[in-house]
């Protein structure tokens, strides 16, 4: 496993475009938590490809965190 650099871009339609590195044979899962450190992590994508587009709608001031988990 290696550290993944995640580039997050907000889209004009309100989605979030996440680009991350992934080796050819790796499986990547995307996790998100809503509302800060006390909130639980939720897996939002299984075997994700980069870029991943998160289109769920949240209020503009909502705190969102993401991480990508790699498996071989």
PDB file of N, CA and C in Angstrom:
ATOM      1  N   UNK A   1       0.848  -1.169   0.000  1.00  0.00           N
ATOM      2  CA  UNK A   1       0.000   0.000   0.000  1.00  0.00           C
ATOM      3  C   UNK A   1       0.896   1.235   0.000  1.00  0.00           C
ATOM      4  N   UNK A   2       0.442   2.284  -0.670  1.00  0.00           N
ATOM      5  CA  UNK A   2       1.211   3.518  -0.740  1.00  0.00           C
ATOM      6  C   UNK A   2       0.309   4.700  -0.429  1.00  0.00           C
ATOM      7  N   UNK A   3       0.891   5.821   0.008  1.00  0.00           N
ATOM      8  CA  UNK A   3       0.060   6.988   0.268  1.00  0.00           C
ATOM      9  C   UNK A   3      -0.540   7.490  -1.040  1.00  0.00           C
ATOM     10  N   UNK A   4      -1.787   7.866  -0.998  1.00  0.00           N
ATOM     11  CA  UNK A   4      -2.459   8.357  -2.190  1.00  0.00           C
ATOM     12  C   UNK A   4      -2.642   9.863  -2.087  1.00  0.00           C
ATOM     13  N   UNK A   5      -2.267  10.539  -3.131  1.00  0.00           N
ATOM     14  CA  UNK A   5      -2.523  11.963  -3.204  1.00  0.00           C
ATOM     15  C   UNK A   5      -3.889  12.116  -3.855  1.00  0.00           C
ATOM     16  N   UNK A   6      -4.774  12.824  -3.187  1.00  0.00           N
ATOM     17  CA  UNK A   6      -6.116  13.045  -3.708  1.00  0.00           C
ATOM     18  C   UNK A   6      -6.242  14.509  -4.113  1.00  0.00           C
ATOM     19  N   UNK A   7      -6.617  14.731  -5.357  1.00  0.00           N
ATOM     20  CA  UNK A   7      -6.901  16.082  -5.825  1.00  0.00           C
ATOM     21  C   UNK A   7      -8.412  16.238  -5.881  1.00  0.00           C
ATOM     22  N   UNK A   8      -8.921  17.230  -5.175  1.00  0.00           N
ATOM     23  CA  UNK A   8     -10.360  17.472  -5.098  1.00  0.00           C
ATOM     24  C   UNK A   8     -10.684  18.744  -5.856  1.00  0.00           C
ATOM     25  N   UNK A   9     -11.647  18.638  -6.768  1.00  0.00           N
ATOM     26  CA  UNK A   9     -12.104  19.789  -7.544  1.00  0.00           C
ATOM     27  C   UNK A   9     -13.613  19.874  -7.410  1.00  0.00           C
ATOM     28  N   UNK A  10     -14.116  21.053  -7.095  1.00  0.00           N
ATOM     29  CA  UNK A  10     -15.558  21.252  -7.026  1.00  0.00           C
ATOM     30  C   UNK A  10     -16.072  21.508  -8.439  1.00  0.00           C
ATOM     31  N   UNK A  11     -17.183  20.863  -8.789  1.00  0.00           N
ATOM     32  CA  UNK A  11     -17.753  21.036 -10.125  1.00  0.00           C
ATOM     33  C   UNK A  11     -18.836  22.115 -10.085  1.00  0.00           C
ATOM     34  N   UNK A  12     -19.127  22.737 -11.221  1.00  0.00           N
ATOM     35  CA  UNK A  12     -20.155  23.789 -11.253  1.00  0.00           C
ATOM     36  C   UNK A  12     -21.540  23.292 -10.828  1.00  0.00           C
ATOM     37  N   UNK A  13     -21.800  21.998 -10.955  1.00  0.00           N
ATOM     38  CA  UNK A  13     -23.115  21.458 -10.600  1.00  0.00           C
ATOM     39  C   UNK A  13     -23.201  21.062  -9.130  1.00  0.00           C
ATOM     40  N   UNK A  14     -22.149  21.298  -8.355  1.00  0.00           N
ATOM     41  CA  UNK A  14     -22.177  21.013  -6.926  1.00  0.00           C
ATOM     42  C   UNK A  14     -21.548  19.688  -6.532  1.00  0.00           C
ATOM     43  N   UNK A  15     -21.046  18.929  -7.474  1.00  0.00           N
ATOM     44  CA  UNK A  15     -20.377  17.669  -7.159  1.00  0.00           C
ATOM     45  C   UNK A  15     -18.915  17.887  -6.819  1.00  0.00           C
ATOM     46  N   UNK A  16     -18.265  16.809  -6.399  1.00  0.00           N
ATOM     47  CA  UNK A  16     -16.837  16.852  -6.092  1.00  0.00           C
ATOM     48  C   UNK A  16     -16.128  15.803  -6.930  1.00  0.00           C
ATOM     49  N   UNK A  17     -15.117  16.229  -7.642  1.00  0.00           N
ATOM     50  CA  UNK A  17     -14.337  15.405  -8.563  1.00  0.00           C
ATOM     51  C   UNK A  17     -13.045  15.037  -7.846  1.00  0.00           C
ATOM     52  N   UNK A  18     -12.867  13.744  -7.516  1.00  0.00           N
ATOM     53  CA  UNK A  18     -11.682  13.284  -6.802  1.00  0.00           C
ATOM     54  C   UNK A  18     -10.787  12.508  -7.758  1.00  0.00           C
ATOM     55  N   UNK A  19      -9.572  12.964  -7.929  1.00  0.00           N
ATOM     56  CA  UNK A  19      -8.587  12.262  -8.749  1.00  0.00           C
ATOM     57  C   UNK A  19      -7.511  11.714  -7.822  1.00  0.00           C
ATOM     58  N   UNK A  20      -7.143  10.432  -8.014  1.00  0.00           N
ATOM     59  CA  UNK A  20      -6.151   9.802  -7.142  1.00  0.00           C
ATOM     60  C   UNK A  20      -5.343   8.809  -7.956  1.00  0.00           C
ATOM     61  N   UNK A  21      -4.158   8.491  -7.457  1.00  0.00           N
ATOM     62  CA  UNK A  21      -3.296   7.517  -8.129  1.00  0.00           C
ATOM     63  C   UNK A  21      -3.696   6.110  -7.719  1.00  0.00           C
ATOM     64  N   UNK A  22      -3.514   5.180  -8.641  1.00  0.00           N
ATOM     65  CA  UNK A  22      -3.862   3.781  -8.378  1.00  0.00           C
ATOM     66  C   UNK A  22      -3.049   2.915  -9.322  1.00  0.00           C
ATOM     67  N   UNK A  23      -2.375   1.897  -8.773  1.00  0.00           N
ATOM     68  CA  UNK A  23      -1.656   0.955  -9.620  1.00  0.00           C
ATOM     69  C   UNK A  23      -2.645   0.085 -10.378  1.00  0.00           C
ATOM     70  N   UNK A  24      -2.203  -0.495 -11.470  1.00  0.00           N
ATOM     71  CA  UNK A  24      -3.076  -1.247 -12.366  1.00  0.00           C
ATOM     72  C   UNK A  24      -3.873  -2.337 -11.663  1.00  0.00           C
ATOM     73  N   UNK A  25      -3.230  -3.131 -10.807  1.00  0.00           N
ATOM     74  CA  UNK A  25      -3.909  -4.265 -10.182  1.00  0.00           C
ATOM     75  C   UNK A  25      -4.521  -3.938  -8.824  1.00  0.00           C
ATOM     76  N   UNK A  26      -4.428  -2.702  -8.389  1.00  0.00           N
ATOM     77  CA  UNK A  26      -4.988  -2.319  -7.102  1.00  0.00           C
ATOM     78  C   UNK A  26      -6.489  -2.051  -7.209  1.00  0.00           C
ATOM     79  N   UNK A  27      -7.167  -2.333  -6.118  1.00  0.00           N
ATOM     80  CA  UNK A  27      -8.573  -1.983  -5.967  1.00  0.00           C
ATOM     81  C   UNK A  27      -8.610  -0.772  -5.044  1.00  0.00           C
ATOM     82  N   UNK A  28      -9.373   0.238  -5.420  1.00  0.00           N
ATOM     83  CA  UNK A  28      -9.462   1.447  -4.605  1.00  0.00           C
ATOM     84  C   UNK A  28     -10.893   1.633  -4.117  1.00  0.00           C
ATOM     85  N   UNK A  29     -11.024   1.866  -2.816  1.00  0.00           N
ATOM     86  CA  UNK A  29     -12.318   2.172  -2.217  1.00  0.00           C
ATOM     87  C   UNK A  29     -12.273   3.622  -1.737  1.00  0.00           C
ATOM     88  N   UNK A  30     -13.339   4.364  -1.989  1.00  0.00           N
ATOM     89  CA  UNK A  30     -13.410   5.762  -1.571  1.00  0.00           C
ATOM     90  C   UNK A  30     -14.322   5.854  -0.349  1.00  0.00           C
ATOM     91  N   UNK A  31     -13.825   6.537   0.686  1.00  0.00           N
ATOM     92  CA  UNK A  31     -14.582   6.734   1.926  1.00  0.00           C
ATOM     93  C   UNK A  31     -14.818   8.223   2.131  1.00  0.00           C
ATOM     94  N   UNK A  32     -15.956   8.542   2.759  1.00  0.00           N
ATOM     95  CA  UNK A  32     -16.300   9.936   3.039  1.00  0.00           C
ATOM     96  C   UNK A  32     -16.911  10.012   4.438  1.00  0.00           C
ATOM     97  N   UNK A  33     -16.612  11.108   5.136  1.00  0.00           N
ATOM     98  CA  UNK A  33     -17.341  11.396   6.365  1.00  0.00           C
ATOM     99  C   UNK A  33     -17.904  12.802   6.249  1.00  0.00           C
ATOM    100  N   UNK A  34     -19.076  12.974   6.843  1.00  0.00           N
ATOM    101  CA  UNK A  34     -19.811  14.226   6.727  1.00  0.00           C
ATOM    102  C   UNK A  34     -19.967  14.823   8.113  1.00  0.00           C
ATOM    103  N   UNK A  35     -19.442  16.030   8.313  1.00  0.00           N
ATOM    104  CA  UNK A  35     -19.667  16.717   9.574  1.00  0.00           C
ATOM    105  C   UNK A  35     -18.502  16.757  10.537  1.00  0.00           C
ATOM    106  N   UNK A  36     -17.326  16.347  10.122  1.00  0.00           N
ATOM    107  CA  UNK A  36     -16.161  16.481  10.991  1.00  0.00           C
ATOM    108  C   UNK A  36     -15.679  15.186  11.608  1.00  0.00           C
ATOM    109  N   UNK A  37     -14.706  15.293  12.509  1.00  0.00           N
ATOM    110  CA  UNK A  37     -14.002  14.139  13.059  1.00  0.00           C
ATOM    111  C   UNK A  37     -14.883  13.194  13.867  1.00  0.00           C
ATOM    112  N   UNK A  38     -15.958  13.662  14.453  1.00  0.00           N
ATOM    113  CA  UNK A  38     -16.831  12.802  15.255  1.00  0.00           C
ATOM    114  C   UNK A  38     -17.727  11.922  14.387  1.00  0.00           C
ATOM    115  N   UNK A  39     -17.859  12.251  13.122  1.00  0.00           N
ATOM    116  CA  UNK A  39     -18.742  11.507  12.215  1.00  0.00           C
ATOM    117  C   UNK A  39     -18.081  10.198  11.777  1.00  0.00           C
ATOM    118  N   UNK A  40     -18.885   9.171  11.511  1.00  0.00           N
ATOM    119  CA  UNK A  40     -18.320   7.898  11.036  1.00  0.00           C
ATOM    120  C   UNK A  40     -17.935   7.980   9.561  1.00  0.00           C
ATOM    121  N   UNK A  41     -16.945   7.180   9.175  1.00  0.00           N
ATOM    122  CA  UNK A  41     -16.561   7.062   7.771  1.00  0.00           C
ATOM    123  C   UNK A  41     -17.557   6.148   7.072  1.00  0.00           C
ATOM    124  N   UNK A  42     -17.932   6.495   5.857  1.00  0.00           N
ATOM    125  CA  UNK A  42     -18.857   5.694   5.053  1.00  0.00           C
ATOM    126  C   UNK A  42     -18.192   5.402   3.710  1.00  0.00           C
ATOM    127  N   UNK A  43     -18.213   4.130   3.302  1.00  0.00           N
ATOM    128  CA  UNK A  43     -17.655   3.781   1.993  1.00  0.00           C
ATOM    129  C   UNK A  43     -18.660   4.212   0.931  1.00  0.00           C
ATOM    130  N   UNK A  44     -18.218   5.057   0.009  1.00  0.00           N
ATOM    131  CA  UNK A  44     -19.106   5.580  -1.028  1.00  0.00           C
ATOM    132  C   UNK A  44     -18.816   4.992  -2.404  1.00  0.00           C
ATOM    133  N   UNK A  45     -17.684   4.284  -2.545  1.00  0.00           N
ATOM    134  CA  UNK A  45     -17.357   3.654  -3.832  1.00  0.00           C
ATOM    135  C   UNK A  45     -16.489   2.428  -3.599  1.00  0.00           C
ATOM    136  N   UNK A  46     -16.847   1.337  -4.252  1.00  0.00           N
ATOM    137  CA  UNK A  46     -16.100   0.085  -4.193  1.00  0.00           C
ATOM    138  C   UNK A  46     -15.432  -0.118  -5.545  1.00  0.00           C
ATOM    139  N   UNK A  47     -14.151  -0.478  -5.532  1.00  0.00           N
ATOM    140  CA  UNK A  47     -13.391  -0.677  -6.769  1.00  0.00           C
ATOM    141  C   UNK A  47     -13.513   0.547  -7.678  1.00  0.00           C
ATOM    142  N   UNK A  48     -13.262   1.712  -7.090  1.00  0.00           N
ATOM    143  CA  UNK A  48     -13.440   2.987  -7.787  1.00  0.00           C
ATOM    144  C   UNK A  48     -12.344   3.221  -8.814  1.00  0.00           C
ATOM    145  N   UNK A  49     -12.701   3.930  -9.823  1.00  0.00           N
ATOM    146  CA  UNK A  49     -11.733   4.391 -10.821  1.00  0.00           C
ATOM    147  C   UNK A  49     -11.506   5.885 -10.600  1.00  0.00           C
ATOM    148  N   UNK A  50     -10.340   6.321 -10.994  1.00  0.00           N
ATOM    149  CA  UNK A  50     -10.025   7.738 -10.903  1.00  0.00           C
ATOM    150  C   UNK A  50     -10.211   8.356 -12.287  1.00  0.00           C
ATOM    151  N   UNK A  51     -10.889   9.460 -12.381  1.00  0.00           N
ATOM    152  CA  UNK A  51     -11.465  10.259 -11.300  1.00  0.00           C
ATOM    153  C   UNK A  51     -12.810   9.708 -10.851  1.00  0.00           C
ATOM    154  N   UNK A  52     -13.115   9.935  -9.578  1.00  0.00           N
ATOM    155  CA  UNK A  52     -14.395   9.558  -9.002  1.00  0.00           C
ATOM    156  C   UNK A  52     -15.208  10.835  -8.809  1.00  0.00           C
ATOM    157  N   UNK A  53     -16.467  10.815  -9.199  1.00  0.00           N
ATOM    158  CA  UNK A  53     -17.331  11.983  -9.053  1.00  0.00           C
ATOM    159  C   UNK A  53     -18.371  11.709  -7.971  1.00  0.00           C
ATOM    160  N   UNK A  54     -18.308  12.474  -6.890  1.00  0.00           N
ATOM    161  CA  UNK A  54     -19.279  12.377  -5.805  1.00  0.00           C
ATOM    162  C   UNK A  54     -20.360  13.417  -6.084  1.00  0.00           C
ATOM    163  N   UNK A  55     -21.565  12.952  -6.400  1.00  0.00           N
ATOM    164  CA  UNK A  55     -22.645  13.858  -6.783  1.00  0.00           C
ATOM    165  C   UNK A  55     -23.687  14.043  -5.684  1.00  0.00           C
ATOM    166  N   UNK A  56     -23.466  13.448  -4.496  1.00  0.00           N
ATOM    167  CA  UNK A  56     -24.411  13.651  -3.403  1.00  0.00           C
ATOM    168  C   UNK A  56     -24.476  15.132  -3.058  1.00  0.00           C
ATOM    169  N   UNK A  57     -25.650  15.600  -2.670  1.00  0.00           N
ATOM    170  CA  UNK A  57     -25.876  17.016  -2.400  1.00  0.00           C
ATOM    171  C   UNK A  57     -25.776  17.307  -0.904  1.00  0.00           C
ATOM    172  N   UNK A  58     -25.042  18.367  -0.571  1.00  0.00           N
ATOM    173  CA  UNK A  58     -24.878  18.814   0.809  1.00  0.00           C
ATOM    174  C   UNK A  58     -25.015  20.329   0.859  1.00  0.00           C
ATOM    175  N   UNK A  59     -25.364  20.836   2.034  1.00  0.00           N
ATOM    176  CA  UNK A  59     -25.408  22.292   2.224  1.00  0.00           C
ATOM    177  C   UNK A  59     -24.006  22.856   1.989  1.00  0.00           C
ATOM    178  N   UNK A  60     -23.901  24.089   1.488  1.00  0.00           N
ATOM    179  CA  UNK A  60     -22.577  24.666   1.163  1.00  0.00           C
ATOM    180  C   UNK A  60     -21.586  24.677   2.330  1.00  0.00           C
ATOM    181  N   UNK A  61     -22.037  24.777   3.549  1.00  0.00           N
ATOM    182  CA  UNK A  61     -21.109  24.860   4.689  1.00  0.00           C
ATOM    183  C   UNK A  61     -20.771  23.492   5.300  1.00  0.00           C
ATOM    184  N   UNK A  62     -21.242  22.407   4.703  1.00  0.00           N
ATOM    185  CA  UNK A  62     -21.013  21.067   5.249  1.00  0.00           C
ATOM    186  C   UNK A  62     -19.547  20.674   5.112  1.00  0.00           C
ATOM    187  N   UNK A  63     -18.960  20.182   6.203  1.00  0.00           N
ATOM    188  CA  UNK A  63     -17.571  19.718   6.194  1.00  0.00           C
ATOM    189  C   UNK A  63     -17.529  18.279   5.677  1.00  0.00           C
ATOM    190  N   UNK A  64     -16.755  18.047   4.626  1.00  0.00           N
ATOM    191  CA  UNK A  64     -16.600  16.718   4.031  1.00  0.00           C
ATOM    192  C   UNK A  64     -15.133  16.326   4.051  1.00  0.00           C
ATOM    193  N   UNK A  65     -14.859  15.076   4.433  1.00  0.00           N
ATOM    194  CA  UNK A  65     -13.507  14.518   4.386  1.00  0.00           C
ATOM    195  C   UNK A  65     -13.558  13.269   3.522  1.00  0.00           C
ATOM    196  N   UNK A  66     -12.469  12.999   2.793  1.00  0.00           N
ATOM    197  CA  UNK A  66     -12.369  11.816   1.946  1.00  0.00           C
ATOM    198  C   UNK A  66     -11.052  11.105   2.197  1.00  0.00           C
ATOM    199  N   UNK A  67     -11.049   9.787   2.009  1.00  0.00           N
ATOM    200  CA  UNK A  67      -9.795   9.054   1.893  1.00  0.00           C
ATOM    201  C   UNK A  67     -10.000   7.883   0.944  1.00  0.00           C
ATOM    202  N   UNK A  68      -8.891   7.453   0.348  1.00  0.00           N
ATOM    203  CA  UNK A  68      -8.899   6.331  -0.598  1.00  0.00           C
ATOM    204  C   UNK A  68      -8.103   5.198   0.018  1.00  0.00           C
ATOM    205  N   UNK A  69      -8.697   4.011   0.053  1.00  0.00           N
ATOM    206  CA  UNK A  69      -8.033   2.810   0.578  1.00  0.00           C
ATOM    207  C   UNK A  69      -7.680   1.915  -0.598  1.00  0.00           C
ATOM    208  N   UNK A  70      -6.392   1.548  -0.680  1.00  0.00           N
ATOM    209  CA  UNK A  70      -5.925   0.657  -1.755  1.00  0.00           C
ATOM    210  C   UNK A  70      -5.783  -0.761  -1.230  1.00  0.00           C
ATOM    211  N   UNK A  71      -6.149  -1.723  -2.058  1.00  0.00           N
ATOM    212  CA  UNK A  71      -5.938  -3.139  -1.768  1.00  0.00           C
ATOM    213  C   UNK A  71      -5.353  -3.789  -3.007  1.00  0.00           C
ATOM    214  N   UNK A  72      -4.535  -4.809  -2.802  1.00  0.00           N
ATOM    215  CA  UNK A  72      -3.995  -5.542  -3.963  1.00  0.00           C
ATOM    216  C   UNK A  72      -4.638  -6.901  -4.076  1.00  0.00           C
TER     217      UNK A  72
END
